[in-house]
Protein backbone atom coordinates (compact mmCIF):
# COMPACT_ATOMS: atom_id res chain seq x y z
CA UNK A 1 313.89 113.46 49.88
CA UNK A 2 314.63 113.69 46.18
CA UNK A 3 313.44 116.67 44.30
CA UNK A 4 310.37 116.47 42.08
CA UNK A 5 311.52 115.97 38.34
CA UNK A 6 309.49 118.95 37.19
CA UNK A 7 311.47 121.26 39.50
CA UNK A 8 314.80 120.00 38.20
CA UNK A 9 313.70 120.35 34.56
CA UNK A 10 312.36 123.78 35.14
CA UNK A 11 315.42 125.01 36.84
CA UNK A 12 317.81 123.61 34.21
CA UNK A 13 315.72 125.01 31.42
CA UNK A 14 315.84 128.57 32.76
CA UNK A 15 319.54 128.36 33.81
CA UNK A 16 320.17 127.44 30.18
CA UNK A 17 318.35 130.54 28.77
CA UNK A 18 318.97 133.50 31.08
CA UNK A 19 320.28 136.12 28.59
CA UNK A 20 317.82 135.12 25.80
CA UNK A 21 314.89 135.37 28.22
CA UNK A 22 315.96 138.77 29.35
CA UNK A 23 316.38 139.93 25.74
CA UNK A 24 312.86 138.78 24.89
CA UNK A 25 310.96 139.79 28.01
CA UNK A 26 313.09 142.50 29.64
CA UNK A 27 310.74 145.39 28.67
CA UNK A 28 307.49 143.30 28.84
CA UNK A 29 305.68 145.83 31.23
CA UNK A 30 306.31 148.78 28.92
CA UNK A 31 303.52 147.46 26.61
CA UNK A 32 301.30 145.99 29.44
CA UNK A 33 299.26 148.80 30.98
CA UNK A 34 296.85 146.40 32.63
CA UNK A 35 299.69 144.58 34.27
CA UNK A 36 301.26 147.84 35.50
CA UNK A 37 297.87 148.95 36.89
CA UNK A 38 297.17 145.64 38.62
CA UNK A 39 300.62 145.63 40.31
CA UNK A 40 300.06 149.17 41.48
CA UNK A 41 296.66 148.10 43.03
CA UNK A 42 298.38 145.05 44.65
CA UNK A 43 301.04 147.46 46.10
CA UNK A 44 298.43 149.86 47.39
CA UNK A 45 296.54 147.00 49.19
CA UNK A 46 299.89 145.87 50.81
CA UNK A 47 300.81 149.28 51.97
CA UNK A 48 297.29 149.78 53.50
CA UNK A 49 297.01 146.40 55.21
CA UNK A 50 300.62 145.39 56.08
CA UNK A 51 302.94 148.45 55.55
CA UNK A 52 305.67 147.13 57.76
CA UNK A 53 306.05 143.59 56.33
CA UNK A 54 308.17 142.55 53.33
CA UNK A 55 306.77 141.26 49.91
CA UNK A 56 308.07 138.43 47.93
CA UNK A 57 308.17 138.06 44.18
CA UNK A 58 308.04 134.22 43.77
CA UNK A 59 309.51 133.08 40.48
CA UNK A 60 311.15 136.41 40.16
CA UNK A 61 313.44 135.44 37.21
CA UNK A 62 315.81 138.34 36.32
CA UNK A 63 314.18 140.56 38.82
CA UNK A 64 312.34 143.06 36.59
CA UNK A 65 309.12 142.75 38.48
CA UNK A 66 310.78 142.78 42.00
CA UNK A 67 312.30 146.18 41.21
CA UNK A 68 308.79 147.40 40.05
CA UNK A 69 307.48 146.52 43.42
CA UNK A 70 310.27 148.28 45.15
CA UNK A 71 309.65 151.39 43.08
CA UNK A 72 305.99 151.02 44.16
CA UNK A 73 307.10 151.53 47.83
CA UNK A 74 307.27 147.91 48.94
CA UNK A 75 310.13 146.20 50.84
CA UNK A 76 310.31 143.62 47.97
CA UNK A 77 312.71 140.73 47.40
CA UNK A 78 312.82 137.80 44.96
CA UNK A 79 312.98 134.08 45.03
CA UNK A 80 313.58 131.91 41.93
CA UNK A 81 314.25 128.22 41.31
CA UNK A 82 316.97 129.14 38.78
CA UNK A 83 320.42 130.10 40.26
CA UNK A 84 321.22 131.54 36.74
CA UNK A 85 318.25 134.01 37.11
CA UNK A 86 319.09 134.90 40.57
CA UNK A 87 322.63 135.57 39.73
CA UNK A 88 321.55 137.88 36.88
CA UNK A 89 319.09 139.62 39.15
CA UNK A 90 321.76 140.16 41.83
CA UNK A 91 324.19 141.75 39.38
CA UNK A 92 321.51 143.93 37.76
CA UNK A 93 319.69 145.09 40.93
CA UNK A 94 322.41 144.94 43.74
CA UNK A 95 320.32 147.05 46.05
CA UNK A 96 317.66 144.25 46.29
CA UNK A 97 317.69 140.87 47.68
CA UNK A 98 317.35 137.73 45.61
CA UNK A 99 317.38 134.17 46.72
CA UNK A 100 317.26 130.72 45.25
CA UNK A 101 314.21 128.72 46.41
CA UNK A 102 311.17 126.68 45.47
CA UNK A 103 307.47 127.75 46.13
CA UNK A 104 306.89 124.26 47.23
CA UNK A 105 309.12 124.90 50.28
CA UNK A 106 309.86 128.47 51.07
CA UNK A 107 312.63 129.29 53.53
CA UNK A 108 310.55 131.95 55.21
CA UNK A 109 308.85 132.11 58.69
CA UNK A 110 305.13 131.57 59.08
CA UNK A 111 303.02 134.68 58.88
CA UNK A 112 305.90 136.83 57.87
CA UNK A 113 304.94 138.53 54.68
CA UNK A 114 302.59 141.31 53.78
CA UNK A 115 302.35 140.38 50.28
CA UNK A 116 303.26 137.55 47.77
CA UNK A 117 303.32 137.89 43.93
CA UNK A 118 303.53 134.95 41.61
CA UNK A 119 303.72 136.55 38.19
CA UNK A 120 303.61 133.80 35.67
CA UNK A 121 305.47 131.34 37.89
CA UNK A 122 302.69 128.87 39.00
CA UNK A 123 302.43 128.11 35.25
CA UNK A 124 305.21 125.49 35.65
CA UNK A 125 303.54 123.59 38.55
CA UNK A 126 301.49 120.47 37.64
CA UNK A 127 297.73 121.12 38.32
CA UNK A 128 297.51 118.39 41.01
CA UNK A 129 300.31 120.15 43.06
CA UNK A 130 298.70 123.66 43.19
CA UNK A 131 296.95 122.93 46.62
CA UNK A 132 300.54 122.42 47.98
CA UNK A 133 301.72 125.60 46.52
CA UNK A 134 298.76 127.57 47.84
CA UNK A 135 299.18 126.10 51.17
CA UNK A 136 302.75 127.24 51.28
CA UNK A 137 301.67 130.72 50.19
CA UNK A 138 299.11 130.74 52.95
CA UNK A 139 301.69 129.79 55.54
CA UNK A 140 304.18 132.59 54.83
CA UNK A 141 301.59 135.27 54.40
CA UNK A 142 300.53 137.32 57.54
CA UNK A 143 296.63 137.35 58.22
CA UNK A 144 295.27 139.97 55.85
CA UNK A 145 298.40 139.69 53.55
CA UNK A 146 297.86 140.17 49.80
CA UNK A 147 298.29 137.57 47.03
CA UNK A 148 298.58 138.26 43.36
CA UNK A 149 298.72 135.65 40.62
CA UNK A 150 299.22 136.00 36.86
CA UNK A 151 298.95 133.24 34.36
CA UNK A 152 297.87 132.21 30.85
CA UNK A 153 294.30 131.09 30.59
CA UNK A 154 293.40 127.60 29.23
CA UNK A 155 292.94 123.95 29.76
CA UNK A 156 296.00 122.58 28.09
CA UNK A 157 299.64 121.80 28.89
CA UNK A 158 302.31 122.91 26.59
CA UNK A 159 305.67 121.18 26.43
CA UNK A 160 308.98 122.59 24.78
CA UNK A 161 312.14 121.01 24.44
CA UNK A 162 313.70 123.94 22.63
CA UNK A 163 313.77 127.70 23.19
CA UNK A 164 315.87 130.35 21.71
CA UNK A 165 317.71 127.68 19.80
CA UNK A 166 318.71 126.03 23.04
CA UNK A 167 317.59 122.61 24.57
CA UNK A 168 315.08 122.88 27.45
CA UNK A 169 312.59 120.48 29.06
CA UNK A 170 309.83 122.53 30.35
CA UNK A 171 306.01 122.29 30.70
CA UNK A 172 303.46 125.25 30.80
CA UNK A 173 300.17 124.65 32.59
CA UNK A 174 297.30 126.87 31.55
CA UNK A 175 295.02 127.90 34.25
CA UNK A 176 291.27 128.84 34.63
CA UNK A 177 290.49 131.75 36.89
CA UNK A 178 287.46 129.96 38.45
CA UNK A 179 289.67 126.96 39.41
CA UNK A 180 292.30 129.26 40.88
CA UNK A 181 289.72 130.95 42.92
CA UNK A 182 288.25 127.70 44.19
CA UNK A 183 291.68 126.34 45.22
CA UNK A 184 292.54 129.66 46.94
CA UNK A 185 289.32 129.62 49.07
CA UNK A 186 290.08 126.00 50.00
CA UNK A 187 293.52 127.13 51.03
CA UNK A 188 292.11 129.96 53.34
CA UNK A 189 292.24 132.90 50.90
CA UNK A 190 289.57 135.37 49.89
CA UNK A 191 289.79 136.30 46.24
CA UNK A 192 288.65 139.75 45.85
CA UNK A 193 289.35 140.59 42.16
CA UNK A 194 289.93 138.72 38.97
CA UNK A 195 290.79 140.12 35.50
CA UNK A 196 291.44 138.76 32.05
CA UNK A 197 293.09 140.30 28.98
CA UNK A 198 292.74 139.07 25.45
CA UNK A 199 295.89 137.96 23.62
CA UNK A 200 298.19 140.69 22.32
CA UNK A 201 301.14 140.47 19.90
CA UNK A 202 302.58 136.98 19.86
CA UNK A 203 300.44 135.69 22.72
CA UNK A 204 298.49 132.55 21.99
CA UNK A 205 296.14 132.67 25.05
CA UNK A 206 294.15 135.17 27.09
CA UNK A 207 295.91 136.32 30.19
CA UNK A 208 294.48 135.87 33.72
CA UNK A 209 295.02 137.72 37.13
CA UNK A 210 293.63 136.86 40.63
CA UNK A 211 294.20 139.09 43.67
CA UNK A 212 293.19 137.50 47.14
CA UNK A 213 294.08 138.13 50.75
CA UNK A 214 294.75 135.68 53.53
CA UNK A 215 291.79 135.51 55.83
CA UNK A 216 292.34 136.34 59.57
CA UNK A 217 292.34 133.59 62.08
């Protein structure tokens, strides 16, 4: 089966801008206390509910969040669509595991994970394909496993064909927390917390966060 065009375009866009992306976003968490707090809450819930299971950072990019999860006491590894990003993460954090993969078809066993983080990675998935993504997240998480999503809030799609002075071909899909929660419930999750943050710095939209768990049975 041929790959969906949006996956190819997103992969090539990030492969073409690895170092520039790292330069711009490498210290993002230093100025984001809410993000740090929510990641700590996510990690605490995983340690309480599934302490012996690994956690995946889907769309891990250069690995900066994966290593945060590791420092929070989780057996964390990263998966990203971009081989360029994965290569950078492997060189920068050789003590951690990083693999190339797609959230539409993860090379992971059923019910194998204690947690799954998608930190600004579902934003490149067309809205109509979110049920497939959430079904795949549900498949790989163990019952009671924790899920955390972060995204920009809105109803629009942003397209860019240039970034950092380089050609790309990438779409950003804004999300509404209520829509995310509805889709997660339909996929078999129980959302237990949502948060929003107003734009800061150069951000153009509010930021959204949803935490949920996979229902037993």
